[in-house]
Amino acid sequence: MLDGLFGGKWIGFEHFREMFADDRFHNALRNTMGMSSIKLVLTFLAPVAFALILNEIPFARFKKWTQTLTTLPHFLSYVIIATLTMIFLDPKGIINNILQGLGIIKQPIEFLSESSHFWTIGASLDLWQETGWGAIIYLAAITGINTEIYEAAKVDGAGRLRTIWHINLPAIKGTIMVLLILNIGSIIYGGSNFNQSYLLGNVFNRDTSYVLGYYTLDNGLLQMRYAFATAVDLFQSCVSLVLLLLANWGAKKINGSNIF
């Protein structure tokens, strides 16, 4: 054990030089940042909007069922989600049948065999799976607003849109900023990108589905290059720290709200 710890050859930054010279790494980094950026915009704004809409629903039972049904996808195994996705997006699946029935397309689309569709599929799955779950924390913050503020706004003639803009949004502004900072800090890891790449990726869409998580798995476990895989993960950690600090600094400068 001691020989393994202290008897190895010191190679300095050799793994990092190899990593930055590898075209597969460049492709994985581009896909990770591209997919994560799209998901950051969609899956961050959607829960906020959904929470504001749910809060305006006057029917308690309908509101409860809607929240429950939209939260359930978060707890589904990604293996199940990937299987359903492959069934629905099959050339003979329901999506192609609907599009052909509406006259939008004439020939079935090979969604998972064309690399141009992968990012859209990944973002759509995240939007479906996480919108309801992400709205919970915003709903909790909105629920804590004093009802007297709403009554005062109503007396002053404020409609629903003005109430949302001047009361609800300011009440959850701090929560929004904290979650935004944390999401920006983790953008390099990509969240569900690895699951989607591993379960839905194939040789036909590899140009857009190959992400850093899969690159690490490929080098670390499949090729048993553990030191190199550690270097890749260390790179992700360093980038994540820098992004977190920059997001925190930017939030403090712009909004005066930060996490440390």
C-alpha atoms as a PDB file:
ATOM      1  CA  MET A   1       0.000   0.000   0.000  1.00  0.00           C
ATOM      2  CA  LEU A   2       2.774   2.414   0.933  1.00  0.00           C
ATOM      3  CA  ASP A   3       4.601   1.647  -2.308  1.00  0.00           C
ATOM      4  CA  GLY A   4       1.445   2.516  -4.192  1.00  0.00           C
ATOM      5  CA  LEU A   5       1.124   5.819  -2.361  1.00  0.00           C
ATOM      6  CA  PHE A   6       4.740   6.955  -2.219  1.00  0.00           C
ATOM      7  CA  GLY A   7       6.612   4.751  -4.678  1.00  0.00           C
ATOM      8  CA  GLY A   8       4.846   5.817  -7.852  1.00  0.00           C
ATOM      9  CA  LYS A   9       6.423   7.988 -10.509  1.00  0.00           C
ATOM     10  CA  TRP A  10       5.550  11.673 -10.305  1.00  0.00           C
ATOM     11  CA  ILE A  11       4.144  12.765 -13.660  1.00  0.00           C
ATOM     12  CA  GLY A  12       3.050  16.304 -12.808  1.00  0.00           C
ATOM     13  CA  PHE A  13       0.443  17.656 -15.212  1.00  0.00           C
ATOM     14  CA  GLU A  14       0.850  14.920 -17.820  1.00  0.00           C
ATOM     15  CA  HIS A  15      -2.745  13.694 -17.474  1.00  0.00           C
ATOM     16  CA  PHE A  16      -4.073  17.217 -17.892  1.00  0.00           C
ATOM     17  CA  ARG A  17      -1.941  17.796 -20.999  1.00  0.00           C
ATOM     18  CA  GLU A  18      -3.236  14.550 -22.468  1.00  0.00           C
ATOM     19  CA  MET A  19      -6.792  15.458 -21.549  1.00  0.00           C
ATOM     20  CA  PHE A  20      -6.682  18.895 -23.201  1.00  0.00           C
ATOM     21  CA  ALA A  21      -5.137  17.377 -26.342  1.00  0.00           C
ATOM     22  CA  ASP A  22      -7.852  14.725 -26.656  1.00  0.00           C
ATOM     23  CA  ASP A  23     -10.548  15.484 -29.237  1.00  0.00           C
ATOM     24  CA  ARG A  24     -12.992  13.276 -27.344  1.00  0.00           C
ATOM     25  CA  PHE A  25     -12.576  15.512 -24.293  1.00  0.00           C
ATOM     26  CA  HIS A  26     -13.282  18.621 -26.362  1.00  0.00           C
ATOM     27  CA  ASN A  27     -16.432  16.995 -27.746  1.00  0.00           C
ATOM     28  CA  ALA A  28     -17.552  15.856 -24.290  1.00  0.00           C
ATOM     29  CA  LEU A  29     -16.924  19.309 -22.797  1.00  0.00           C
ATOM     30  CA  ARG A  30     -18.852  21.026 -25.594  1.00  0.00           C
ATOM     31  CA  ASN A  31     -21.799  18.661 -25.222  1.00  0.00           C
ATOM     32  CA  THR A  32     -21.821  18.936 -21.434  1.00  0.00           C
ATOM     33  CA  MET A  33     -21.767  22.730 -21.393  1.00  0.00           C
ATOM     34  CA  GLY A  34     -24.221  23.006 -24.283  1.00  0.00           C
ATOM     35  CA  MET A  35     -26.794  20.621 -22.839  1.00  0.00           C
ATOM     36  CA  SER A  36     -26.391  21.990 -19.326  1.00  0.00           C
ATOM     37  CA  SER A  37     -26.818  25.596 -20.472  1.00  0.00           C
ATOM     38  CA  ILE A  38     -30.059  24.787 -22.282  1.00  0.00           C
ATOM     39  CA  LYS A  39     -31.344  22.820 -19.304  1.00  0.00           C
ATOM     40  CA  LEU A  40     -30.320  25.590 -16.903  1.00  0.00           C
ATOM     41  CA  VAL A  41     -32.510  28.100 -18.717  1.00  0.00           C
ATOM     42  CA  LEU A  42     -35.505  25.811 -19.227  1.00  0.00           C
ATOM     43  CA  THR A  43     -35.554  23.796 -16.013  1.00  0.00           C
ATOM     44  CA  PHE A  44     -34.777  26.812 -13.856  1.00  0.00           C
ATOM     45  CA  LEU A  45     -37.420  29.176 -15.210  1.00  0.00           C
ATOM     46  CA  ALA A  46     -40.147  26.548 -15.663  1.00  0.00           C
ATOM     47  CA  PRO A  47     -40.525  25.671 -11.934  1.00  0.00           C
ATOM     48  CA  VAL A  48     -40.774  29.378 -11.054  1.00  0.00           C
ATOM     49  CA  ALA A  49     -43.507  29.951 -13.642  1.00  0.00           C
ATOM     50  CA  PHE A  50     -45.276  26.717 -12.685  1.00  0.00           C
ATOM     51  CA  ALA A  51     -45.267  27.643  -8.983  1.00  0.00           C
ATOM     52  CA  LEU A  52     -46.751  31.066  -9.751  1.00  0.00           C
ATOM     53  CA  ILE A  53     -49.461  29.462 -11.904  1.00  0.00           C
ATOM     54  CA  LEU A  54     -50.289  26.808  -9.295  1.00  0.00           C
ATOM     55  CA  ASN A  55     -50.590  29.481  -6.629  1.00  0.00           C
ATOM     56  CA  GLU A  56     -53.301  31.193  -8.687  1.00  0.00           C
ATOM     57  CA  ILE A  57     -55.482  28.068  -8.961  1.00  0.00           C
ATOM     58  CA  PRO A  58     -58.484  28.558  -6.642  1.00  0.00           C
ATOM     59  CA  PHE A  59     -59.593  24.907  -6.593  1.00  0.00           C
ATOM     60  CA  ALA A  60     -57.680  23.202  -3.776  1.00  0.00           C
ATOM     61  CA  ARG A  61     -58.320  19.612  -4.891  1.00  0.00           C
ATOM     62  CA  PHE A  62     -57.367  20.283  -8.514  1.00  0.00           C
ATOM     63  CA  LYS A  63     -54.271  22.147  -7.349  1.00  0.00           C
ATOM     64  CA  LYS A  64     -53.267  19.244  -5.094  1.00  0.00           C
ATOM     65  CA  TRP A  65     -53.690  16.627  -7.827  1.00  0.00           C
ATOM     66  CA  THR A  66     -51.831  18.744 -10.356  1.00  0.00           C
ATOM     67  CA  GLN A  67     -48.911  19.197  -7.981  1.00  0.00           C
ATOM     68  CA  THR A  68     -48.846  15.479  -7.164  1.00  0.00           C
ATOM     69  CA  LEU A  69     -48.935  14.339 -10.798  1.00  0.00           C
ATOM     70  CA  THR A  70     -46.207  16.767 -11.859  1.00  0.00           C
ATOM     71  CA  THR A  71     -43.974  15.773  -8.942  1.00  0.00           C
ATOM     72  CA  LEU A  72     -44.154  12.007  -9.537  1.00  0.00           C
ATOM     73  CA  PRO A  73     -41.802  11.954 -12.582  1.00  0.00           C
ATOM     74  CA  HIS A  74     -38.950  13.098 -10.328  1.00  0.00           C
ATOM     75  CA  PHE A  75     -39.070   9.766  -8.484  1.00  0.00           C
ATOM     76  CA  LEU A  76     -39.040   7.558 -11.578  1.00  0.00           C
ATOM     77  CA  SER A  77     -35.899   5.557 -12.296  1.00  0.00           C
ATOM     78  CA  TYR A  78     -34.062   6.900 -15.318  1.00  0.00           C
ATOM     79  CA  VAL A  79     -34.001   3.370 -16.732  1.00  0.00           C
ATOM     80  CA  ILE A  80     -37.800   3.496 -16.888  1.00  0.00           C
ATOM     81  CA  ILE A  81     -37.725   6.994 -18.384  1.00  0.00           C
ATOM     82  CA  ALA A  82     -35.186   5.953 -21.021  1.00  0.00           C
ATOM     83  CA  THR A  83     -37.213   2.852 -21.919  1.00  0.00           C
ATOM     84  CA  LEU A  84     -40.410   4.866 -22.328  1.00  0.00           C
ATOM     85  CA  THR A  85     -38.524   7.464 -24.362  1.00  0.00           C
ATOM     86  CA  MET A  86     -37.231   4.822 -26.764  1.00  0.00           C
ATOM     87  CA  ILE A  87     -40.741   3.387 -27.146  1.00  0.00           C
ATOM     88  CA  PHE A  88     -42.378   6.772 -27.761  1.00  0.00           C
ATOM     89  CA  LEU A  89     -39.652   8.023 -30.124  1.00  0.00           C
ATOM     90  CA  ASP A  90     -39.422   4.829 -32.158  1.00  0.00           C
ATOM     91  CA  PRO A  91     -40.107   5.308 -35.894  1.00  0.00           C
ATOM     92  CA  LYS A  92     -43.319   3.343 -35.316  1.00  0.00           C
ATOM     93  CA  GLY A  93     -43.974   4.961 -31.932  1.00  0.00           C
ATOM     94  CA  ILE A  94     -46.734   7.280 -30.798  1.00  0.00           C
ATOM     95  CA  ILE A  95     -44.835  10.540 -31.454  1.00  0.00           C
ATOM     96  CA  ASN A  96     -44.202   9.724 -35.107  1.00  0.00           C
ATOM     97  CA  ASN A  97     -47.766   8.454 -35.498  1.00  0.00           C
ATOM     98  CA  ILE A  98     -49.161  11.728 -34.143  1.00  0.00           C
ATOM     99  CA  LEU A  99     -46.886  13.876 -36.312  1.00  0.00           C
ATOM    100  CA  GLN A 100     -47.775  11.860 -39.409  1.00  0.00           C
ATOM    101  CA  GLY A 101     -51.465  11.918 -38.535  1.00  0.00           C
ATOM    102  CA  LEU A 102     -51.381  15.715 -38.270  1.00  0.00           C
ATOM    103  CA  GLY A 103     -49.559  15.959 -41.582  1.00  0.00           C
ATOM    104  CA  ILE A 104     -46.492  17.598 -40.032  1.00  0.00           C
ATOM    105  CA  ILE A 105     -44.146  14.929 -41.387  1.00  0.00           C
ATOM    106  CA  LYS A 106     -44.445  12.434 -44.228  1.00  0.00           C
ATOM    107  CA  GLN A 107     -41.750   9.968 -43.185  1.00  0.00           C
ATOM    108  CA  PRO A 108     -40.983   8.769 -39.623  1.00  0.00           C
ATOM    109  CA  ILE A 109     -38.139  10.565 -37.866  1.00  0.00           C
ATOM    110  CA  GLU A 110     -35.296   8.537 -36.348  1.00  0.00           C
ATOM    111  CA  PHE A 111     -35.123  10.730 -33.240  1.00  0.00           C
ATOM    112  CA  LEU A 112     -32.455   8.722 -31.412  1.00  0.00           C
ATOM    113  CA  SER A 113     -30.437   7.973 -34.523  1.00  0.00           C
ATOM    114  CA  GLU A 114     -29.978  11.605 -35.537  1.00  0.00           C
ATOM    115  CA  SER A 115     -27.540  13.588 -33.418  1.00  0.00           C
ATOM    116  CA  SER A 116     -29.349  16.878 -34.099  1.00  0.00           C
ATOM    117  CA  HIS A 117     -32.275  15.823 -31.872  1.00  0.00           C
ATOM    118  CA  PHE A 118     -30.404  14.647 -28.770  1.00  0.00           C
ATOM    119  CA  TRP A 119     -30.080  17.959 -26.916  1.00  0.00           C
ATOM    120  CA  THR A 120     -33.753  18.739 -27.505  1.00  0.00           C
ATOM    121  CA  ILE A 121     -34.770  15.312 -26.214  1.00  0.00           C
ATOM    122  CA  GLY A 122     -32.571  15.678 -23.130  1.00  0.00           C
ATOM    123  CA  ALA A 123     -33.899  19.142 -22.284  1.00  0.00           C
ATOM    124  CA  SER A 124     -37.505  18.005 -22.804  1.00  0.00           C
ATOM    125  CA  LEU A 125     -37.047  15.035 -20.473  1.00  0.00           C
ATOM    126  CA  ASP A 126     -35.550  17.232 -17.761  1.00  0.00           C
ATOM    127  CA  LEU A 127     -38.364  19.741 -18.172  1.00  0.00           C
ATOM    128  CA  TRP A 128     -40.965  16.994 -17.758  1.00  0.00           C
ATOM    129  CA  GLN A 129     -39.195  15.290 -14.862  1.00  0.00           C
ATOM    130  CA  GLU A 130     -38.114  18.255 -12.727  1.00  0.00           C
ATOM    131  CA  THR A 131     -40.638  21.077 -13.214  1.00  0.00           C
ATOM    132  CA  GLY A 132     -43.122  19.852 -10.617  1.00  0.00           C
ATOM    133  CA  TRP A 133     -40.426  18.909  -8.127  1.00  0.00           C
ATOM    134  CA  GLY A 134     -38.592  22.207  -8.538  1.00  0.00           C
ATOM    135  CA  ALA A 135     -41.778  24.200  -7.979  1.00  0.00           C
ATOM    136  CA  ILE A 136     -42.235  22.856  -4.434  1.00  0.00           C
ATOM    137  CA  ILE A 137     -39.679  25.148  -2.794  1.00  0.00           C
ATOM    138  CA  TYR A 138     -41.097  28.215  -4.560  1.00  0.00           C
ATOM    139  CA  LEU A 139     -44.647  27.289  -3.563  1.00  0.00           C
ATOM    140  CA  ALA A 140     -43.485  26.981   0.044  1.00  0.00           C
ATOM    141  CA  ALA A 141     -42.000  30.489  -0.096  1.00  0.00           C
ATOM    142  CA  ILE A 142     -45.155  31.933  -1.688  1.00  0.00           C
ATOM    143  CA  THR A 143     -47.373  30.218   0.886  1.00  0.00           C
ATOM    144  CA  GLY A 144     -45.481  32.030   3.644  1.00  0.00           C
ATOM    145  CA  ILE A 145     -46.540  35.461   2.363  1.00  0.00           C
ATOM    146  CA  ASN A 146     -48.834  37.315   4.772  1.00  0.00           C
ATOM    147  CA  THR A 147     -52.391  37.301   3.390  1.00  0.00           C
ATOM    148  CA  GLU A 148     -52.882  40.876   4.582  1.00  0.00           C
ATOM    149  CA  ILE A 149     -50.464  42.000   1.865  1.00  0.00           C
ATOM    150  CA  TYR A 150     -52.739  40.468  -0.781  1.00  0.00           C
ATOM    151  CA  GLU A 151     -55.767  42.142   0.777  1.00  0.00           C
ATOM    152  CA  ALA A 152     -54.037  45.522   0.778  1.00  0.00           C
ATOM    153  CA  ALA A 153     -53.027  45.071  -2.860  1.00  0.00           C
ATOM    154  CA  LYS A 154     -56.609  44.157  -3.772  1.00  0.00           C
ATOM    155  CA  VAL A 155     -57.910  47.283  -2.059  1.00  0.00           C
ATOM    156  CA  ASP A 156     -55.416  49.339  -4.070  1.00  0.00           C
ATOM    157  CA  GLY A 157     -56.826  47.834  -7.266  1.00  0.00           C
ATOM    158  CA  ALA A 158     -53.960  45.476  -8.114  1.00  0.00           C
ATOM    159  CA  GLY A 159     -54.884  42.659 -10.489  1.00  0.00           C
ATOM    160  CA  ARG A 160     -53.368  39.184 -10.620  1.00  0.00           C
ATOM    161  CA  LEU A 161     -50.420  40.146 -12.802  1.00  0.00           C
ATOM    162  CA  ARG A 162     -49.498  43.109 -10.616  1.00  0.00           C
ATOM    163  CA  THR A 163     -49.862  40.947  -7.503  1.00  0.00           C
ATOM    164  CA  ILE A 164     -47.515  38.353  -8.973  1.00  0.00           C
ATOM    165  CA  TRP A 165     -44.998  40.979 -10.091  1.00  0.00           C
ATOM    166  CA  HIS A 166     -44.968  43.139  -6.951  1.00  0.00           C
ATOM    167  CA  ILE A 167     -45.669  40.572  -4.207  1.00  0.00           C
ATOM    168  CA  ASN A 168     -44.992  36.966  -5.221  1.00  0.00           C
ATOM    169  CA  LEU A 169     -41.788  37.436  -7.221  1.00  0.00           C
ATOM    170  CA  PRO A 170     -40.092  39.685  -4.614  1.00  0.00           C
ATOM    171  CA  ALA A 171     -41.009  37.115  -1.945  1.00  0.00           C
ATOM    172  CA  ILE A 172     -39.175  34.308  -3.749  1.00  0.00           C
ATOM    173  CA  LYS A 173     -36.356  36.444  -5.167  1.00  0.00           C
ATOM    174  CA  GLY A 174     -33.865  35.264  -2.531  1.00  0.00           C
ATOM    175  CA  THR A 175     -34.729  31.609  -3.142  1.00  0.00           C
ATOM    176  CA  ILE A 176     -34.400  32.094  -6.895  1.00  0.00           C
ATOM    177  CA  MET A 177     -30.938  33.638  -6.566  1.00  0.00           C
ATOM    178  CA  VAL A 178     -29.594  30.948  -4.220  1.00  0.00           C
ATOM    179  CA  LEU A 179     -30.782  28.109  -6.466  1.00  0.00           C
ATOM    180  CA  LEU A 180     -29.496  29.907  -9.563  1.00  0.00           C
ATOM    181  CA  ILE A 181     -26.030  30.245  -8.023  1.00  0.00           C
ATOM    182  CA  LEU A 182     -25.949  26.555  -7.088  1.00  0.00           C
ATOM    183  CA  ASN A 183     -27.189  25.486 -10.528  1.00  0.00           C
ATOM    184  CA  ILE A 184     -24.552  27.572 -12.296  1.00  0.00           C
ATOM    185  CA  GLY A 185     -21.880  26.057 -10.058  1.00  0.00           C
ATOM    186  CA  SER A 186     -22.898  22.523 -11.022  1.00  0.00           C
ATOM    187  CA  ILE A 187     -23.322  23.167 -14.748  1.00  0.00           C
ATOM    188  CA  ILE A 188     -20.040  21.388 -15.593  1.00  0.00           C
ATOM    189  CA  TYR A 189     -21.365  18.147 -14.059  1.00  0.00           C
ATOM    190  CA  GLY A 190     -24.509  18.288 -16.159  1.00  0.00           C
ATOM    191  CA  GLY A 191     -26.971  16.707 -13.731  1.00  0.00           C
ATOM    192  CA  SER A 192     -28.888  14.107 -15.745  1.00  0.00           C
ATOM    193  CA  ASN A 193     -26.565  14.374 -18.766  1.00  0.00           C
ATOM    194  CA  PHE A 194     -24.735  11.161 -17.883  1.00  0.00           C
ATOM    195  CA  ASN A 195     -27.928   9.125 -17.491  1.00  0.00           C
ATOM    196  CA  GLN A 196     -29.193  10.351 -20.832  1.00  0.00           C
ATOM    197  CA  SER A 197     -25.841   9.769 -22.530  1.00  0.00           C
ATOM    198  CA  TYR A 198     -25.446   6.276 -21.083  1.00  0.00           C
ATOM    199  CA  LEU A 199     -29.015   5.074 -21.680  1.00  0.00           C
ATOM    200  CA  LEU A 200     -30.045   6.946 -24.829  1.00  0.00           C
ATOM    201  CA  GLY A 201     -26.696   7.527 -26.505  1.00  0.00           C
ATOM    202  CA  ASN A 202     -25.540   5.340 -29.394  1.00  0.00           C
ATOM    203  CA  VAL A 203     -23.044   5.350 -32.246  1.00  0.00           C
ATOM    204  CA  PHE A 204     -25.412   7.409 -34.397  1.00  0.00           C
ATOM    205  CA  ASN A 205     -25.860  10.314 -31.970  1.00  0.00           C
ATOM    206  CA  ARG A 206     -22.470  10.123 -30.245  1.00  0.00           C
ATOM    207  CA  ASP A 207     -21.422  13.516 -31.611  1.00  0.00           C
ATOM    208  CA  THR A 208     -23.961  15.247 -29.369  1.00  0.00           C
ATOM    209  CA  SER A 209     -24.583  12.664 -26.613  1.00  0.00           C
ATOM    210  CA  TYR A 210     -21.003  12.080 -25.433  1.00  0.00           C
ATOM    211  CA  VAL A 211     -20.581  14.045 -22.169  1.00  0.00           C
ATOM    212  CA  LEU A 212     -17.880  14.387 -19.520  1.00  0.00           C
ATOM    213  CA  GLY A 213     -19.533  11.859 -17.222  1.00  0.00           C
ATOM    214  CA  TYR A 214     -19.348   9.221 -19.944  1.00  0.00           C
ATOM    215  CA  TYR A 215     -15.804  10.302 -20.823  1.00  0.00           C
ATOM    216  CA  THR A 216     -14.781   9.712 -17.192  1.00  0.00           C
ATOM    217  CA  LEU A 217     -16.504   6.320 -17.129  1.00  0.00           C
ATOM    218  CA  ASP A 218     -14.904   5.362 -20.429  1.00  0.00           C
ATOM    219  CA  ASN A 219     -11.386   6.136 -19.217  1.00  0.00           C
ATOM    220  CA  GLY A 220     -11.766   5.185 -15.561  1.00  0.00           C
ATOM    221  CA  LEU A 221     -13.755   1.953 -15.490  1.00  0.00           C
ATOM    222  CA  LEU A 222     -13.722   0.652 -19.050  1.00  0.00           C
ATOM    223  CA  GLN A 223     -10.047   1.367 -19.762  1.00  0.00           C
ATOM    224  CA  MET A 224      -9.036   1.183 -16.061  1.00  0.00           C
ATOM    225  CA  ARG A 225      -7.106   4.462 -16.275  1.00  0.00           C
ATOM    226  CA  TYR A 226      -8.045   5.538 -12.783  1.00  0.00           C
ATOM    227  CA  ALA A 227      -5.452   8.294 -12.442  1.00  0.00           C
ATOM    228  CA  PHE A 228      -6.506   9.896 -15.717  1.00  0.00           C
ATOM    229  CA  ALA A 229     -10.195   9.707 -14.766  1.00  0.00           C
ATOM    230  CA  THR A 230      -9.346  11.353 -11.439  1.00  0.00           C
ATOM    231  CA  ALA A 231      -7.672  14.197 -13.324  1.00  0.00           C
ATOM    232  CA  VAL A 232     -10.819  14.690 -15.413  1.00  0.00           C
ATOM    233  CA  ASP A 233     -12.977  14.799 -12.303  1.00  0.00           C
ATOM    234  CA  LEU A 234     -10.557  17.217 -10.620  1.00  0.00           C
ATOM    235  CA  PHE A 235     -10.852  19.484 -13.660  1.00  0.00           C
ATOM    236  CA  GLN A 236     -14.641  19.440 -13.300  1.00  0.00           C
ATOM    237  CA  SER A 237     -14.376  20.262  -9.592  1.00  0.00           C
ATOM    238  CA  CYS A 238     -12.086  23.237 -10.251  1.00  0.00           C
ATOM    239  CA  VAL A 239     -14.350  24.610 -12.986  1.00  0.00           C
ATOM    240  CA  SER A 240     -17.379  24.095 -10.748  1.00  0.00           C
ATOM    241  CA  LEU A 241     -15.716  26.055  -7.927  1.00  0.00           C
ATOM    242  CA  VAL A 242     -14.796  28.930 -10.255  1.00  0.00           C
ATOM    243  CA  LEU A 243     -18.324  29.091 -11.697  1.00  0.00           C
ATOM    244  CA  LEU A 244     -19.825  29.030  -8.204  1.00  0.00           C
ATOM    245  CA  LEU A 245     -17.617  31.900  -7.019  1.00  0.00           C
ATOM    246  CA  LEU A 246     -18.310  33.946 -10.154  1.00  0.00           C
ATOM    247  CA  ALA A 247     -22.067  33.372  -9.890  1.00  0.00           C
ATOM    248  CA  ASN A 248     -22.026  34.300  -6.210  1.00  0.00           C
ATOM    249  CA  TRP A 249     -19.998  37.461  -6.915  1.00  0.00           C
ATOM    250  CA  GLY A 250     -22.265  38.418  -9.823  1.00  0.00           C
ATOM    251  CA  ALA A 251     -25.419  37.905  -7.767  1.00  0.00           C
ATOM    252  CA  LYS A 252     -24.043  40.087  -4.985  1.00  0.00           C
ATOM    253  CA  LYS A 253     -23.125  42.864  -7.420  1.00  0.00           C
ATOM    254  CA  ILE A 254     -26.397  42.789  -9.340  1.00  0.00           C
ATOM    255  CA  ASN A 255     -28.947  41.920  -6.699  1.00  0.00           C
ATOM    256  CA  GLY A 256     -27.183  42.136  -3.346  1.00  0.00           C
ATOM    257  CA  SER A 257     -28.182  38.523  -2.674  1.00  0.00           C
ATOM    258  CA  ASN A 258     -25.585  35.769  -2.359  1.00  0.00           C
ATOM    259  CA  ILE A 259     -24.906  32.566  -0.435  1.00  0.00           C
ATOM    260  CA  PHE A 260     -21.591  33.500   1.221  1.00  0.00           C
END
